[in-house]
Amino acid sequence: MTQVLELKFDTANGKSMTLTVDNPKENLTGDEVENAMQEIISSNIFHNNGASLVAINQARIVERTVSEFEFTEGN
């Protein structure tokens, strides 16, 4: 199972932007995520079509399980 931390921000142009972090640290707290997102906004290094990130929209961890099918050759 793989995990991805999705950080969704509102932008100055009224749209949203999502940053994803593969394999986030285990046992993250809401406070840690919120503080990191505020730091990202304050640093002003990410933009979406020229618009700055202005607010936290949401954050979530998405878990994904992949099951592959095996096929014999010729089928």
C-alpha atoms as a PDB file:
ATOM      1  CA  MET A   1       0.000   0.000   0.000  1.00  0.00           C
ATOM      2  CA  THR A   2       1.342   3.424  -0.901  1.00  0.00           C
ATOM      3  CA  GLN A   3       0.457   6.694   0.755  1.00  0.00           C
ATOM      4  CA  VAL A   4       0.376  10.207  -0.649  1.00  0.00           C
ATOM      5  CA  LEU A   5      -0.120  13.398   1.333  1.00  0.00           C
ATOM      6  CA  GLU A   6      -2.229  15.833  -0.685  1.00  0.00           C
ATOM      7  CA  LEU A   7      -1.970  19.513   0.262  1.00  0.00           C
ATOM      8  CA  LYS A   8      -4.641  21.653  -1.383  1.00  0.00           C
ATOM      9  CA  PHE A   9      -4.328  25.448  -1.410  1.00  0.00           C
ATOM     10  CA  ASP A  10      -6.503  28.323  -2.623  1.00  0.00           C
ATOM     11  CA  THR A  11      -4.786  30.744  -5.003  1.00  0.00           C
ATOM     12  CA  ALA A  12      -5.033  34.497  -5.517  1.00  0.00           C
ATOM     13  CA  ASN A  13      -6.919  33.976  -8.787  1.00  0.00           C
ATOM     14  CA  GLY A  14      -9.744  32.040  -7.091  1.00  0.00           C
ATOM     15  CA  LYS A  15      -8.573  28.597  -8.175  1.00  0.00           C
ATOM     16  CA  SER A  16      -6.943  25.793  -6.233  1.00  0.00           C
ATOM     17  CA  MET A  17      -3.631  23.982  -6.454  1.00  0.00           C
ATOM     18  CA  THR A  18      -2.644  20.617  -4.989  1.00  0.00           C
ATOM     19  CA  LEU A  19       0.860  19.589  -3.977  1.00  0.00           C
ATOM     20  CA  THR A  20       1.504  15.902  -3.341  1.00  0.00           C
ATOM     21  CA  VAL A  21       4.135  14.289  -1.146  1.00  0.00           C
ATOM     22  CA  ASP A  22       4.883  10.604  -1.697  1.00  0.00           C
ATOM     23  CA  ASN A  23       5.385   8.388   1.347  1.00  0.00           C
ATOM     24  CA  PRO A  24       4.803  11.018   4.047  1.00  0.00           C
ATOM     25  CA  LYS A  25       6.174  10.585   7.555  1.00  0.00           C
ATOM     26  CA  GLU A  26       4.041   8.273   9.674  1.00  0.00           C
ATOM     27  CA  ASN A  27       1.861   9.676  12.448  1.00  0.00           C
ATOM     28  CA  LEU A  28       1.676  13.223  11.092  1.00  0.00           C
ATOM     29  CA  THR A  29      -0.562  15.446  13.169  1.00  0.00           C
ATOM     30  CA  GLY A  30      -2.981  18.028  11.888  1.00  0.00           C
ATOM     31  CA  ASP A  31      -0.899  20.744  13.549  1.00  0.00           C
ATOM     32  CA  GLU A  32       2.274  19.596  11.764  1.00  0.00           C
ATOM     33  CA  VAL A  33       0.535  19.580   8.401  1.00  0.00           C
ATOM     34  CA  GLU A  34      -1.110  22.956   9.005  1.00  0.00           C
ATOM     35  CA  ASN A  35       2.198  24.527  10.079  1.00  0.00           C
ATOM     36  CA  ALA A  36       3.955  23.135   7.001  1.00  0.00           C
ATOM     37  CA  MET A  37       1.201  24.448   4.733  1.00  0.00           C
ATOM     38  CA  GLN A  38       1.403  27.907   6.340  1.00  0.00           C
ATOM     39  CA  GLU A  39       5.173  27.858   5.777  1.00  0.00           C
ATOM     40  CA  ILE A  40       4.638  26.966   2.103  1.00  0.00           C
ATOM     41  CA  ILE A  41       2.209  29.888   1.729  1.00  0.00           C
ATOM     42  CA  SER A  42       4.568  32.290   3.539  1.00  0.00           C
ATOM     43  CA  SER A  43       7.583  31.272   1.439  1.00  0.00           C
ATOM     44  CA  ASN A  44       5.726  32.316  -1.744  1.00  0.00           C
ATOM     45  CA  ILE A  45       7.739  29.896  -3.900  1.00  0.00           C
ATOM     46  CA  PHE A  46       4.813  28.086  -5.518  1.00  0.00           C
ATOM     47  CA  HIS A  47       2.471  29.739  -8.011  1.00  0.00           C
ATOM     48  CA  ASN A  48      -0.375  28.506 -10.181  1.00  0.00           C
ATOM     49  CA  ASN A  49      -0.604  30.351 -13.505  1.00  0.00           C
ATOM     50  CA  GLY A  50       1.163  33.300 -11.893  1.00  0.00           C
ATOM     51  CA  ALA A  51      -1.139  33.368  -8.854  1.00  0.00           C
ATOM     52  CA  SER A  52       0.258  32.988  -5.330  1.00  0.00           C
ATOM     53  CA  LEU A  53      -1.033  30.502  -2.787  1.00  0.00           C
ATOM     54  CA  VAL A  54      -3.161  32.448  -0.315  1.00  0.00           C
ATOM     55  CA  ALA A  55      -4.981  29.977   1.963  1.00  0.00           C
ATOM     56  CA  ILE A  56      -5.176  26.383   3.123  1.00  0.00           C
ATOM     57  CA  ASN A  57      -8.057  24.524   1.510  1.00  0.00           C
ATOM     58  CA  GLN A  58      -7.597  20.953   2.782  1.00  0.00           C
ATOM     59  CA  ALA A  59      -5.071  18.203   3.451  1.00  0.00           C
ATOM     60  CA  ARG A  60      -5.477  14.462   3.362  1.00  0.00           C
ATOM     61  CA  ILE A  61      -3.544  11.233   3.190  1.00  0.00           C
ATOM     62  CA  VAL A  62      -4.604   8.970   0.357  1.00  0.00           C
ATOM     63  CA  GLU A  63      -3.800   5.261   0.616  1.00  0.00           C
ATOM     64  CA  ARG A  64      -3.716   3.190  -2.510  1.00  0.00           C
ATOM     65  CA  THR A  65      -3.530  -0.561  -2.918  1.00  0.00           C
ATOM     66  CA  VAL A  66      -2.730  -1.982  -6.339  1.00  0.00           C
ATOM     67  CA  SER A  67      -3.446  -5.602  -7.258  1.00  0.00           C
ATOM     68  CA  GLU A  68      -2.119  -6.716 -10.604  1.00  0.00           C
ATOM     69  CA  PHE A  69      -3.483  -9.563 -12.678  1.00  0.00           C
ATOM     70  CA  GLU A  70      -1.085 -12.116 -14.101  1.00  0.00           C
ATOM     71  CA  PHE A  71      -1.727 -13.430 -17.599  1.00  0.00           C
ATOM     72  CA  THR A  72      -0.185 -16.335 -19.421  1.00  0.00           C
ATOM     73  CA  GLU A  73       1.531 -15.605 -22.711  1.00  0.00           C
ATOM     74  CA  GLY A  74      -0.637 -15.879 -25.783  1.00  0.00           C
ATOM     75  CA  ASN A  75      -3.882 -14.759 -24.131  1.00  0.00           C
END
